Amino acid sequence: MCDKEKIAEEKERWKDETLKPNLEKWPERKEEFITTSSMPVDRLYTPDDLEDFDYQEDLGFPGEYPFTRGIHPTMHRGKLWTMRQFSGFGTAEETNERFKYLIDHGETGLSIAFDYPTLYGYDTDDAMAEGEFGKCGVAVSSLKDMEILFDGIDPSEISTSMTINGPASILWAFYIAMAEKKGVPKEELRGTIQNDILKEYIAQKSFIFPPEPSMRLIVDTFEYGSKNVPKWNTISISGYHIREAGATAVQELAFTLADGMEYVRWAVDRGLDVDDFAPRLSFFFNAHNDFFEEIAKFRAARRIWAREMKETFGAEKERSMWMRFHTQTSGVSLTAQQPEVNLIRVAIQALAAVMGGTQSLHTNSMDEALALPSEKAVRLALRTQQTIAHESGAPNTIDPLGGSYYVEWLTDHMEEEAYKYFDKIESLGGVIPAIKKGFFQKEIADASAQYQKEIEENKRTVVGVNEFQLDEEPDIPLLEMDPEGEKTQIERLEKLKEERDDKEVQEALDNLREVAEGDENTMPAILRCAKAYATLGEITSVLKEVFGEYDEPLIY
């Protein structure tokens, strides 16, 4: 046992006798050292910085409450994280080729990016979709597109993550129907729908319906999934987009967990048993540039979630207390200047995710500040994960920075700051009232402005941007999509509508409208529409008729 008072005394002696004379000769590089989130960092951390630190209560052992050190007893010594690459562009055929390319090069899980019309529930032939086809993801307008997307791929052999929110239950229905047509029962399907609408109102803005009916649809997926698709994660509560919008690490931590607890409250209020649906809640975090801050964030997140699930929601199963999370390296940190440097940023970010105990990881490609990833760029991004897994030694021991005075202080500090945000959100009436009052939006905007100001004032160095510039244009090959892709997609939609059974489609849509107007679970009705080859836009339109559309209030 260490004597903290003695160490504190020795620390003061060290400052006077050793540090002060050294600083007089060799001053430090700058007046203030800060994290990526502008949090001040002291020059040295010792045991006296860890007030009331208790190993068993604050850390414990891997696989045991409070899971600070990991949710599995062996962590990456037993099973490496799932290696995913966020993939999707143009037509379903083009994305299918990319999926197969990545699987051939060692990817162990698929992660689908959808284009903006799909994210908003529009078919490719809708006037609102014009000019946006396939640009930031793949266009999926019907079950037919999902079938093409997985042509030659067995959904029983790979887990699939889908980054979709407003129309998440519809795209999930397309996936379930596709798998069943291949002879794979829904009970065997593994994967995740992002399905996190609260962070859309907060940060990414691809919402469709008002918050309350959107929450109903999400709880419907919890209920349906727990009974019918038990291996599927029915939500990925996402801090990633909150961070990409400009939030600090603490804001990402606090806002994400506040959203997660709100989903649990809605499900419990529906009458669901927390231990029936909570084991299939998953999370999605950003890995930004500050190595230690990110690791501390992941550790604090696990501890907070375990405590809240146990003490606030009465979960009894350990799996209900697990925070299982996917991590993606920071897209907003990538630069168009000297894009090869992004390989270095991504490697550091990915290593932080691994050392923080992630269950799944996506590494961004070096060219993403310029275009969708090329084959070479995405292969190098995947190789980054493989090198960390097999050459770095990082996965060989569990929570390797556990016990670091700095990391433990930072973990405790971030947890403390997160609870301050929980109190603020509660004082505003909860998550949805805070959204409608613009609380989250203003907090993120202020943090983003502060970060940009620090760059412009050269208080923060971004390599290649405000320091170490090169006067030359990037010289790397960029991805080119099929210029006829949009035409092909629209022609496929026209053919689909000509060949399907119109009576069956209309009956399915009428049934969905009736269910939506009542209080039944909407998933069986949506699945019926999907199997009848109703399109995404047609299904979304019915739900818009019943639920309306959300107009975000202006915040000044």
Protein backbone atom coordinates (compact mmCIF):
# COMPACT_ATOMS: atom_id res chain seq x y z
CA MET A 1 0.00 0.00 0.00
CA CYS A 2 1.27 3.46 -0.87
CA ASP A 3 1.20 6.40 1.52
CA LYS A 4 -0.56 9.10 -0.52
CA GLU A 5 0.27 11.87 1.94
CA LYS A 6 3.95 10.94 1.80
CA ILE A 7 3.86 10.85 -2.01
CA ALA A 8 2.16 14.27 -2.09
CA GLU A 9 4.93 15.68 0.12
CA GLU A 10 7.60 14.11 -2.08
CA LYS A 11 5.90 15.51 -5.16
CA GLU A 12 6.18 19.04 -3.77
CA ARG A 13 9.84 18.41 -2.92
CA TRP A 14 10.46 17.14 -6.46
CA LYS A 15 8.87 20.31 -7.90
CA ASP A 16 11.18 22.55 -5.85
CA GLU A 17 14.43 20.61 -5.99
CA THR A 18 14.34 18.86 -9.38
CA LEU A 19 11.70 20.37 -11.63
CA LYS A 20 12.14 24.11 -10.95
CA PRO A 21 15.89 24.30 -11.70
CA ASN A 22 15.36 22.21 -14.84
CA LEU A 23 12.58 24.54 -16.10
CA GLU A 24 14.81 27.55 -15.58
CA LYS A 25 17.33 26.05 -18.01
CA TRP A 26 14.99 24.21 -20.37
CA PRO A 27 11.41 25.57 -20.39
CA GLU A 28 8.58 23.32 -21.52
CA ARG A 29 7.43 23.47 -25.15
CA LYS A 30 4.30 25.49 -24.45
CA GLU A 31 2.35 27.09 -21.63
CA GLU A 32 -0.59 24.71 -21.67
CA PHE A 33 -0.96 21.08 -22.68
CA ILE A 34 -4.49 19.94 -23.57
CA THR A 35 -6.27 16.86 -24.84
CA THR A 36 -8.15 16.76 -28.15
CA SER A 37 -11.18 17.89 -26.11
CA SER A 38 -9.27 20.90 -24.72
CA MET A 39 -8.98 19.35 -21.28
CA PRO A 40 -5.82 20.55 -19.44
CA VAL A 41 -3.21 17.85 -18.81
CA ASP A 42 -0.84 18.06 -15.83
CA ARG A 43 2.82 17.21 -16.33
CA LEU A 44 2.75 14.31 -13.85
CA TYR A 45 0.18 12.06 -12.18
CA THR A 46 0.83 10.10 -8.99
CA PRO A 47 -1.28 8.07 -6.54
CA ASP A 48 -2.33 11.24 -4.71
CA ASP A 49 -4.32 12.25 -7.83
CA LEU A 50 -6.57 9.20 -7.34
CA GLU A 51 -8.84 10.26 -4.52
CA ASP A 52 -10.58 7.34 -2.75
CA PHE A 53 -9.40 4.94 -5.44
CA ASP A 54 -10.56 1.38 -4.73
CA TYR A 55 -9.27 -1.36 -7.02
CA GLN A 56 -12.17 -3.75 -6.56
CA GLU A 57 -14.92 -1.13 -6.72
CA ASP A 58 -13.45 1.05 -9.47
CA LEU A 59 -11.67 -1.56 -11.60
CA GLY A 60 -12.32 -5.13 -10.59
CA PHE A 61 -11.30 -7.92 -12.94
CA PRO A 62 -12.10 -8.46 -16.62
CA GLY A 63 -15.44 -10.17 -17.09
CA GLU A 64 -16.68 -9.01 -13.69
CA TYR A 65 -18.68 -6.00 -12.50
CA PRO A 66 -18.10 -3.06 -13.02
CA PHE A 67 -16.37 -4.24 -16.25
CA THR A 68 -13.96 -1.28 -16.36
CA ARG A 69 -11.24 -3.64 -17.56
CA GLY A 70 -13.39 -5.44 -20.12
CA ILE A 71 -16.56 -7.46 -20.45
CA HIS A 72 -14.83 -10.81 -21.16
CA PRO A 73 -12.38 -12.60 -18.84
CA THR A 74 -9.84 -13.10 -21.66
CA MET A 75 -10.77 -10.16 -23.93
CA HIS A 76 -8.64 -10.17 -27.12
CA ARG A 77 -6.51 -13.09 -25.92
CA GLY A 78 -9.57 -15.26 -26.50
CA LYS A 79 -11.16 -13.65 -29.55
CA LEU A 80 -9.97 -10.72 -31.61
CA TRP A 81 -12.37 -7.90 -32.34
CA THR A 82 -14.55 -8.13 -35.44
CA MET A 83 -12.77 -6.36 -38.28
CA ARG A 84 -15.20 -4.29 -40.34
CA GLN A 85 -14.83 -1.70 -43.07
CA PHE A 86 -17.72 0.71 -43.61
CA SER A 87 -18.67 -0.11 -47.21
CA GLY A 88 -21.23 1.08 -49.66
CA PHE A 89 -21.43 3.19 -52.80
CA GLY A 90 -23.39 3.41 -56.01
CA THR A 91 -25.46 0.40 -56.96
CA ALA A 92 -26.01 -2.80 -55.02
CA GLU A 93 -23.86 -4.60 -57.61
CA GLU A 94 -20.87 -2.30 -57.00
CA THR A 95 -21.13 -2.65 -53.23
CA ASN A 96 -21.53 -6.42 -53.51
CA GLU A 97 -18.18 -6.50 -55.34
CA ARG A 98 -16.57 -4.42 -52.56
CA PHE A 99 -17.99 -6.76 -49.88
CA LYS A 100 -16.46 -9.78 -51.61
CA TYR A 101 -13.15 -7.97 -52.05
CA LEU A 102 -12.96 -7.18 -48.33
CA ILE A 103 -13.99 -10.69 -47.27
CA ASP A 104 -11.27 -12.10 -49.53
CA HIS A 105 -8.74 -9.83 -47.78
CA GLY A 106 -9.66 -10.87 -44.25
CA GLU A 107 -12.63 -8.76 -43.18
CA THR A 108 -14.67 -10.62 -40.54
CA GLY A 109 -17.88 -8.56 -40.49
CA LEU A 110 -19.78 -6.43 -42.99
CA SER A 111 -20.76 -2.82 -42.31
CA ILE A 112 -23.15 -1.18 -44.75
CA ALA A 113 -23.21 2.52 -45.58
CA PHE A 114 -26.41 3.73 -47.25
CA ASP A 115 -26.78 6.80 -49.44
CA TYR A 116 -28.66 9.83 -48.17
CA PRO A 117 -31.94 9.16 -50.02
CA THR A 118 -32.05 5.73 -48.37
CA LEU A 119 -31.25 7.24 -44.96
CA TYR A 120 -34.23 9.58 -45.38
CA GLY A 121 -36.58 6.86 -46.63
CA TYR A 122 -36.68 7.91 -50.31
CA ASP A 123 -36.51 5.61 -53.32
CA THR A 124 -33.90 6.42 -55.94
CA ASP A 125 -36.57 7.55 -58.43
CA ASP A 126 -38.00 10.14 -56.00
CA ALA A 127 -37.44 13.77 -56.98
CA MET A 128 -35.93 14.34 -53.49
CA ALA A 129 -33.20 11.80 -54.30
CA GLU A 130 -31.96 13.51 -57.44
CA GLY A 131 -28.23 14.16 -57.44
CA GLU A 132 -27.55 12.13 -54.28
CA PHE A 133 -27.59 8.59 -55.65
CA GLY A 134 -24.87 6.37 -54.24
CA LYS A 135 -22.58 9.20 -53.15
CA CYS A 136 -22.10 8.41 -49.48
CA GLY A 137 -23.33 4.83 -49.50
CA VAL A 138 -25.29 2.27 -51.44
CA ALA A 139 -28.85 2.87 -52.65
CA VAL A 140 -31.32 0.29 -51.31
CA SER A 141 -34.91 0.94 -52.38
CA SER A 142 -36.42 -2.54 -51.99
CA LEU A 143 -35.89 -6.16 -51.06
CA LYS A 144 -34.60 -6.68 -54.62
CA ASP A 145 -31.63 -4.39 -53.93
CA MET A 146 -30.89 -6.23 -50.69
CA GLU A 147 -30.91 -9.53 -52.58
CA ILE A 148 -28.36 -8.19 -55.06
CA LEU A 149 -26.29 -6.72 -52.24
CA PHE A 150 -25.86 -10.20 -50.74
CA ASP A 151 -25.63 -12.21 -53.94
CA GLY A 152 -23.06 -14.94 -53.32
CA ILE A 153 -22.73 -14.06 -49.61
CA ASP A 154 -24.15 -16.36 -46.92
CA PRO A 155 -25.71 -14.23 -44.14
CA SER A 156 -25.48 -17.18 -41.76
CA GLU A 157 -21.67 -17.03 -41.93
CA ILE A 158 -21.04 -13.34 -41.31
CA SER A 159 -22.44 -10.62 -39.08
CA THR A 160 -23.80 -7.51 -40.77
CA SER A 161 -23.95 -4.02 -39.33
CA MET A 162 -26.25 -1.50 -41.02
CA THR A 163 -25.85 2.23 -40.39
CA ILE A 164 -29.49 3.21 -40.78
CA ASN A 165 -31.71 5.14 -38.38
CA GLY A 166 -35.03 6.72 -39.40
CA PRO A 167 -36.07 3.76 -41.62
CA ALA A 168 -34.02 1.18 -39.67
CA SER A 169 -36.91 -1.23 -39.11
CA ILE A 170 -37.66 -1.22 -42.86
CA LEU A 171 -34.07 -2.00 -43.91
CA TRP A 172 -33.91 -4.65 -41.20
CA ALA A 173 -37.06 -6.20 -42.66
CA PHE A 174 -35.42 -6.23 -46.11
CA TYR A 175 -32.42 -8.04 -44.60
CA ILE A 176 -34.53 -10.61 -42.73
CA ALA A 177 -36.61 -11.29 -45.85
CA MET A 178 -33.46 -11.65 -47.99
CA ALA A 179 -31.96 -14.15 -45.54
CA GLU A 180 -35.14 -16.18 -45.32
CA LYS A 181 -35.30 -16.39 -49.13
CA LYS A 182 -31.79 -17.87 -48.95
CA GLY A 183 -33.02 -20.44 -46.43
CA VAL A 184 -31.44 -18.80 -43.38
CA PRO A 185 -33.92 -18.56 -40.47
CA LYS A 186 -34.05 -15.22 -38.69
CA GLU A 187 -33.13 -16.95 -35.43
CA GLU A 188 -29.62 -17.52 -36.85
CA LEU A 189 -28.96 -13.98 -38.10
CA ARG A 190 -26.17 -11.97 -36.46
CA GLY A 191 -25.67 -8.27 -36.84
CA THR A 192 -26.73 -4.78 -35.83
CA ILE A 193 -29.03 -2.02 -37.00
CA GLN A 194 -27.83 1.36 -35.79
CA ASN A 195 -31.43 2.46 -35.13
CA ASP A 196 -30.34 5.37 -32.88
CA ILE A 197 -32.73 8.19 -33.70
CA LEU A 198 -31.95 10.37 -30.67
CA LYS A 199 -28.44 11.13 -31.90
CA GLU A 200 -29.95 12.04 -35.28
CA TYR A 201 -31.90 14.86 -33.64
CA ILE A 202 -28.77 15.77 -31.68
CA ALA A 203 -26.10 15.60 -34.37
CA GLN A 204 -26.48 13.91 -37.75
CA LYS A 205 -29.99 15.16 -38.69
CA SER A 206 -31.16 12.26 -40.86
CA PHE A 207 -34.47 11.95 -39.01
CA ILE A 208 -37.88 11.42 -40.59
CA PHE A 209 -40.62 11.15 -37.96
CA PRO A 210 -41.10 13.09 -34.70
CA PRO A 211 -39.28 11.74 -31.62
CA GLU A 212 -42.19 9.95 -29.96
CA PRO A 213 -43.29 7.72 -32.89
CA SER A 214 -39.63 7.17 -33.75
CA MET A 215 -39.08 5.84 -30.24
CA ARG A 216 -42.09 3.58 -30.66
CA LEU A 217 -40.55 2.06 -33.79
CA ILE A 218 -37.29 1.46 -31.94
CA VAL A 219 -38.96 -0.25 -29.00
CA ASP A 220 -40.88 -2.35 -31.55
CA THR A 221 -37.53 -3.63 -32.85
CA PHE A 222 -36.36 -4.38 -29.28
CA GLU A 223 -39.49 -6.41 -28.63
CA TYR A 224 -39.54 -8.19 -31.98
CA GLY A 225 -35.82 -8.93 -31.93
CA SER A 226 -35.77 -10.37 -28.40
CA LYS A 227 -38.52 -12.81 -29.40
CA ASN A 228 -37.67 -13.60 -33.02
CA VAL A 229 -34.09 -12.57 -33.90
CA PRO A 230 -32.28 -13.29 -30.61
CA LYS A 231 -28.71 -12.97 -31.95
CA TRP A 232 -29.31 -9.53 -33.47
CA ASN A 233 -28.33 -6.24 -31.83
CA THR A 234 -31.46 -4.15 -32.29
CA ILE A 235 -29.69 -0.85 -31.69
CA SER A 236 -26.20 0.61 -31.81
CA ILE A 237 -26.36 3.63 -29.54
CA SER A 238 -24.00 5.93 -31.30
CA GLY A 239 -21.63 8.55 -29.99
CA TYR A 240 -19.70 8.49 -33.24
CA HIS A 241 -21.79 11.07 -35.07
CA ILE A 242 -22.05 13.22 -31.96
CA ARG A 243 -18.25 13.39 -31.86
CA GLU A 244 -17.98 13.95 -35.62
CA ALA A 245 -20.30 16.96 -35.24
CA GLY A 246 -17.71 18.58 -32.97
CA ALA A 247 -18.41 17.24 -29.46
CA THR A 248 -15.68 16.68 -26.91
CA ALA A 249 -14.86 13.20 -25.62
CA VAL A 250 -16.82 13.88 -22.42
CA GLN A 251 -19.83 15.11 -24.40
CA GLU A 252 -19.69 12.03 -26.61
CA LEU A 253 -19.56 9.84 -23.51
CA ALA A 254 -22.33 11.63 -21.63
CA PHE A 255 -24.76 12.23 -24.49
CA THR A 256 -24.42 8.67 -25.81
CA LEU A 257 -25.07 7.08 -22.44
CA ALA A 258 -27.95 9.47 -21.73
CA ASP A 259 -29.52 8.36 -25.03
CA GLY A 260 -28.94 4.72 -24.10
CA MET A 261 -30.68 5.13 -20.77
CA GLU A 262 -33.59 6.86 -22.50
CA TYR A 263 -34.09 3.87 -24.79
CA VAL A 264 -34.07 1.57 -21.78
CA ARG A 265 -36.71 3.73 -20.03
CA TRP A 266 -39.01 3.61 -23.06
CA ALA A 267 -38.66 -0.16 -23.34
CA VAL A 268 -39.31 -0.70 -19.63
CA ASP A 269 -42.32 1.61 -19.84
CA ARG A 270 -43.62 -0.60 -22.68
CA GLY A 271 -43.53 -3.49 -20.21
CA LEU A 272 -40.43 -5.24 -21.49
CA ASP A 273 -38.20 -7.00 -18.97
CA VAL A 274 -34.81 -5.27 -18.95
CA ASP A 275 -33.01 -8.62 -18.90
CA ASP A 276 -34.86 -9.71 -22.04
CA PHE A 277 -33.76 -6.85 -24.30
CA ALA A 278 -30.71 -5.21 -22.67
CA PRO A 279 -28.24 -7.98 -23.63
CA ARG A 280 -28.80 -6.99 -27.27
CA LEU A 281 -28.14 -3.27 -26.83
CA SER A 282 -24.82 -2.26 -28.35
CA PHE A 283 -22.84 0.97 -28.65
CA PHE A 284 -20.76 2.76 -31.26
CA PHE A 285 -17.96 5.14 -30.35
CA ASN A 286 -15.48 7.38 -32.10
CA ALA A 287 -11.73 6.92 -31.70
CA HIS A 288 -10.18 10.37 -32.05
CA ASN A 289 -6.57 11.52 -31.94
CA ASP A 290 -5.80 11.75 -28.22
CA PHE A 291 -4.61 8.24 -27.39
CA PHE A 292 -5.11 8.32 -23.63
CA GLU A 293 -8.33 10.32 -23.64
CA GLU A 294 -9.98 7.78 -25.92
CA ILE A 295 -8.89 4.80 -23.83
CA ALA A 296 -10.17 6.49 -20.67
CA LYS A 297 -13.48 7.24 -22.40
CA PHE A 298 -14.05 3.59 -23.30
CA ARG A 299 -13.21 2.43 -19.77
CA ALA A 300 -15.46 5.04 -18.14
CA ALA A 301 -18.30 4.13 -20.51
CA ARG A 302 -18.24 0.47 -19.46
CA ARG A 303 -18.23 1.34 -15.77
CA ILE A 304 -21.04 3.90 -15.97
CA TRP A 305 -23.26 1.65 -18.07
CA ALA A 306 -22.80 -1.35 -15.77
CA ARG A 307 -23.63 0.73 -12.71
CA GLU A 308 -26.72 2.36 -14.24
CA MET A 309 -28.10 -0.90 -15.61
CA LYS A 310 -27.67 -2.58 -12.25
CA GLU A 311 -28.60 0.20 -9.83
CA THR A 312 -31.07 2.31 -11.85
CA PHE A 313 -32.80 -0.30 -14.00
CA GLY A 314 -32.46 -3.36 -11.80
CA ALA A 315 -30.77 -5.61 -14.34
CA GLU A 316 -29.82 -8.96 -12.86
CA LYS A 317 -28.10 -10.69 -15.77
CA GLU A 318 -24.45 -9.77 -16.23
CA ARG A 319 -24.95 -9.58 -19.99
CA SER A 320 -27.50 -6.81 -19.39
CA MET A 321 -24.73 -4.79 -17.73
CA TRP A 322 -22.21 -5.32 -20.52
CA MET A 323 -21.36 -2.43 -22.73
CA ARG A 324 -20.48 -4.08 -26.03
CA PHE A 325 -19.28 -1.51 -28.51
CA HIS A 326 -18.05 -0.99 -32.04
CA THR A 327 -15.45 1.69 -32.72
CA GLN A 328 -14.70 3.67 -35.85
CA THR A 329 -11.65 5.85 -36.23
CA SER A 330 -12.35 9.54 -36.56
CA GLY A 331 -13.45 10.65 -40.01
CA VAL A 332 -13.42 14.32 -39.04
CA SER A 333 -9.74 14.09 -38.09
CA LEU A 334 -8.74 13.10 -41.63
CA THR A 335 -7.20 15.79 -43.82
CA ALA A 336 -7.32 16.38 -47.56
CA GLN A 337 -3.79 17.76 -47.26
CA GLN A 338 -1.12 15.02 -47.34
CA PRO A 339 -3.70 12.21 -47.14
CA GLU A 340 -1.01 9.57 -46.56
CA VAL A 341 -0.59 11.05 -43.06
CA ASN A 342 -4.11 9.80 -42.36
CA LEU A 343 -2.69 6.27 -42.28
CA ILE A 344 -0.70 7.29 -39.19
CA ARG A 345 -3.67 8.99 -37.51
CA VAL A 346 -5.85 5.95 -38.11
CA ALA A 347 -3.23 3.54 -36.74
CA ILE A 348 -2.98 5.51 -33.47
CA GLN A 349 -6.76 5.77 -33.17
CA ALA A 350 -7.26 2.08 -33.89
CA LEU A 351 -4.64 1.12 -31.30
CA ALA A 352 -6.50 3.21 -28.71
CA ALA A 353 -9.73 1.36 -29.55
CA VAL A 354 -8.03 -2.01 -29.12
CA MET A 355 -6.37 -1.03 -25.85
CA GLY A 356 -9.71 0.36 -24.70
CA GLY A 357 -11.37 -3.02 -25.22
CA THR A 358 -13.53 -2.64 -28.34
CA GLN A 359 -15.53 -5.61 -29.67
CA SER A 360 -15.57 -4.42 -33.27
CA LEU A 361 -13.52 -1.93 -35.25
CA HIS A 362 -13.64 0.02 -38.50
CA THR A 363 -10.54 1.85 -39.70
CA ASN A 364 -11.05 4.79 -42.04
CA SER A 365 -9.21 4.93 -45.33
CA MET A 366 -6.58 7.56 -46.07
CA ASP A 367 -8.52 9.05 -49.02
CA GLU A 368 -11.88 9.64 -47.30
CA ALA A 369 -11.39 13.40 -47.03
CA LEU A 370 -11.34 13.40 -50.84
CA ALA A 371 -13.71 10.64 -51.96
CA LEU A 372 -15.19 7.27 -51.09
CA PRO A 373 -12.37 4.77 -50.42
CA SER A 374 -10.49 3.19 -53.29
CA GLU A 375 -9.65 -0.52 -53.16
CA LYS A 376 -6.01 0.15 -52.25
CA ALA A 377 -6.93 2.62 -49.51
CA VAL A 378 -9.53 0.36 -47.94
CA ARG A 379 -7.13 -2.60 -48.08
CA LEU A 380 -4.47 -0.59 -46.24
CA ALA A 381 -7.05 0.42 -43.63
CA LEU A 382 -7.90 -3.23 -43.06
CA ARG A 383 -4.20 -4.13 -42.94
CA THR A 384 -3.82 -1.58 -40.14
CA GLN A 385 -6.17 -3.63 -37.98
CA GLN A 386 -4.46 -6.87 -38.93
CA THR A 387 -1.04 -5.46 -38.05
CA ILE A 388 -2.27 -4.31 -34.64
CA ALA A 389 -3.86 -7.73 -34.10
CA HIS A 390 -0.93 -9.88 -35.10
CA GLU A 391 2.25 -7.80 -34.74
CA SER A 392 1.84 -5.03 -32.14
CA GLY A 393 1.40 -7.16 -29.01
CA ALA A 394 -1.44 -4.87 -27.89
CA PRO A 395 -4.06 -7.66 -27.70
CA ASN A 396 -1.80 -9.93 -25.65
CA THR A 397 -2.80 -8.57 -22.25
CA ILE A 398 -6.07 -7.16 -20.93
CA ASP A 399 -6.44 -3.44 -20.23
CA PRO A 400 -2.66 -2.85 -20.44
CA LEU A 401 -2.91 0.75 -19.22
CA GLY A 402 -4.99 -0.17 -16.17
CA GLY A 403 -3.21 1.18 -13.10
CA SER A 404 -1.59 4.05 -14.96
CA TYR A 405 -2.01 7.03 -12.66
CA TYR A 406 -2.85 9.26 -15.62
CA VAL A 407 -5.31 6.85 -17.25
CA GLU A 408 -7.08 6.09 -13.96
CA TRP A 409 -7.32 9.81 -13.13
CA LEU A 410 -8.61 10.56 -16.61
CA THR A 411 -11.15 7.72 -16.45
CA ASP A 412 -12.46 8.97 -13.10
CA HIS A 413 -12.52 12.58 -14.30
CA MET A 414 -14.48 11.77 -17.45
CA GLU A 415 -16.96 9.74 -15.43
CA GLU A 416 -17.44 12.63 -13.02
CA GLU A 417 -17.98 15.10 -15.88
CA ALA A 418 -20.44 12.74 -17.56
CA TYR A 419 -22.60 12.64 -14.43
CA LYS A 420 -22.65 16.44 -14.38
CA TYR A 421 -24.14 16.31 -17.88
CA PHE A 422 -26.69 13.69 -16.76
CA ASP A 423 -27.82 16.11 -14.06
CA LYS A 424 -28.14 18.96 -16.59
CA ILE A 425 -30.20 16.80 -18.96
CA GLU A 426 -32.48 15.69 -16.14
CA SER A 427 -32.99 19.31 -15.05
CA LEU A 428 -34.25 20.06 -18.59
CA GLY A 429 -36.85 17.31 -18.35
CA GLY A 430 -34.92 14.46 -19.97
CA VAL A 431 -33.36 13.70 -23.33
CA ILE A 432 -36.25 14.53 -25.67
CA PRO A 433 -37.15 17.84 -23.97
CA ALA A 434 -33.44 18.75 -23.99
CA ILE A 435 -33.32 18.03 -27.74
CA LYS A 436 -36.33 20.24 -28.38
CA LYS A 437 -34.73 23.03 -26.34
CA GLY A 438 -31.51 22.76 -28.37
CA PHE A 439 -29.32 21.88 -25.39
CA PHE A 440 -27.24 19.18 -27.06
CA GLN A 441 -26.97 21.09 -30.32
CA LYS A 442 -25.61 24.22 -28.60
CA GLU A 443 -23.13 22.28 -26.48
CA ILE A 444 -21.72 20.57 -29.55
CA ALA A 445 -21.63 23.79 -31.59
CA ASP A 446 -19.72 25.59 -28.85
CA ALA A 447 -17.20 22.75 -28.53
CA SER A 448 -16.70 22.60 -32.29
CA ALA A 449 -16.12 26.36 -32.48
CA GLN A 450 -13.58 26.18 -29.65
CA TYR A 451 -11.64 23.42 -31.42
CA GLN A 452 -11.54 25.33 -34.70
CA LYS A 453 -10.46 28.51 -32.91
CA GLU A 454 -7.53 26.68 -31.32
CA ILE A 455 -6.39 25.50 -34.76
CA GLU A 456 -6.70 28.95 -36.30
CA GLU A 457 -4.76 30.50 -33.42
CA ASN A 458 -2.06 27.79 -33.71
CA LYS A 459 -2.73 26.63 -30.17
CA ARG A 460 -3.36 23.19 -31.67
CA THR A 461 -1.22 21.63 -34.41
CA VAL A 462 -2.79 19.66 -37.24
CA VAL A 463 0.00 18.16 -39.31
CA GLY A 464 -0.16 19.33 -42.90
CA VAL A 465 -2.88 21.92 -42.20
CA ASN A 466 -1.44 24.65 -39.99
CA GLU A 467 2.06 23.18 -39.61
CA PHE A 468 4.37 21.12 -41.83
CA GLN A 469 2.50 22.06 -45.00
CA LEU A 470 3.44 20.98 -48.52
CA ASP A 471 2.74 23.08 -51.58
CA GLU A 472 1.51 20.25 -53.76
CA GLU A 473 -1.75 18.54 -54.67
CA PRO A 474 -2.46 15.01 -53.39
CA ASP A 475 -1.46 12.34 -55.87
CA ILE A 476 -3.48 9.25 -54.99
CA PRO A 477 -6.02 7.33 -57.10
CA LEU A 478 -9.67 8.00 -56.22
CA LEU A 479 -12.68 5.74 -56.57
CA GLU A 480 -14.86 6.21 -59.62
CA MET A 481 -18.45 4.95 -59.59
CA ASP A 482 -20.42 3.58 -62.53
CA PRO A 483 -21.79 6.70 -64.27
CA GLU A 484 -24.81 4.68 -65.41
CA GLY A 485 -25.57 3.44 -61.89
CA GLU A 486 -28.49 5.78 -61.18
CA LYS A 487 -30.13 4.91 -64.49
CA THR A 488 -29.69 1.19 -63.77
CA GLN A 489 -31.25 1.59 -60.32
CA ILE A 490 -34.28 3.51 -61.61
CA GLU A 491 -34.86 0.97 -64.39
CA ARG A 492 -34.73 -1.83 -61.80
CA LEU A 493 -37.38 -0.04 -59.73
CA GLU A 494 -39.63 0.35 -62.76
CA LYS A 495 -39.28 -3.35 -63.60
CA LEU A 496 -39.96 -4.34 -59.99
CA LYS A 497 -43.21 -2.37 -59.92
CA GLU A 498 -44.32 -3.93 -63.21
CA GLU A 499 -43.66 -7.51 -62.13
CA ARG A 500 -44.79 -7.58 -58.49
CA ASP A 501 -48.33 -8.36 -57.31
CA ASP A 502 -49.92 -4.91 -56.89
CA LYS A 503 -52.84 -6.29 -54.88
CA GLU A 504 -50.50 -8.00 -52.43
CA VAL A 505 -48.46 -4.79 -52.08
CA GLN A 506 -51.52 -2.63 -51.45
CA GLU A 507 -52.96 -5.04 -48.88
CA ALA A 508 -49.63 -5.10 -47.05
CA LEU A 509 -49.38 -1.29 -47.02
CA ASP A 510 -53.01 -0.97 -45.84
CA ASN A 511 -52.28 -3.42 -43.05
CA LEU A 512 -49.22 -1.40 -42.01
CA ARG A 513 -51.30 1.77 -41.88
CA GLU A 514 -53.86 0.08 -39.64
CA VAL A 515 -51.18 -1.30 -37.32
CA ALA A 516 -49.38 2.06 -37.12
CA GLU A 517 -52.62 3.80 -36.19
CA GLY A 518 -53.06 1.36 -33.31
CA ASP A 519 -50.58 0.13 -30.74
CA GLU A 520 -49.48 -3.24 -32.15
CA ASN A 521 -45.84 -3.96 -32.86
CA THR A 522 -45.12 -2.64 -36.36
CA MET A 523 -42.35 -5.11 -37.30
CA PRO A 524 -44.54 -7.98 -38.56
CA ALA A 525 -46.48 -5.54 -40.77
CA ILE A 526 -43.27 -3.96 -42.11
CA LEU A 527 -41.85 -7.42 -42.82
CA ARG A 528 -45.01 -8.31 -44.74
CA CYS A 529 -44.54 -5.19 -46.88
CA ALA A 530 -40.90 -6.07 -47.52
CA LYS A 531 -41.75 -9.60 -48.65
CA ALA A 532 -44.39 -8.21 -51.02
CA TYR A 533 -41.66 -6.03 -52.58
CA ALA A 534 -43.13 -2.75 -51.43
CA THR A 535 -40.41 -0.14 -51.75
CA LEU A 536 -38.66 1.79 -49.02
CA GLY A 537 -40.37 4.99 -50.15
CA GLU A 538 -43.83 3.39 -50.19
CA ILE A 539 -43.45 1.98 -46.69
CA THR A 540 -42.00 5.23 -45.35
CA SER A 541 -44.85 7.22 -46.93
CA VAL A 542 -47.45 5.17 -45.05
CA LEU A 543 -45.66 5.81 -41.76
CA LYS A 544 -45.39 9.52 -42.59
CA GLU A 545 -49.17 9.64 -43.12
CA VAL A 546 -49.72 8.24 -39.64
CA PHE A 547 -46.80 9.72 -37.68
CA GLY A 548 -46.09 12.96 -39.55
CA GLU A 549 -42.64 14.40 -40.20
CA TYR A 550 -40.33 16.22 -37.81
CA ASP A 551 -39.36 19.85 -38.32
CA GLU A 552 -36.44 20.82 -36.12
CA PRO A 553 -37.08 24.05 -34.19
CA LEU A 554 -34.76 26.96 -34.88
CA ILE A 555 -32.28 27.50 -32.08
CA TYR A 556 -30.63 30.90 -31.67
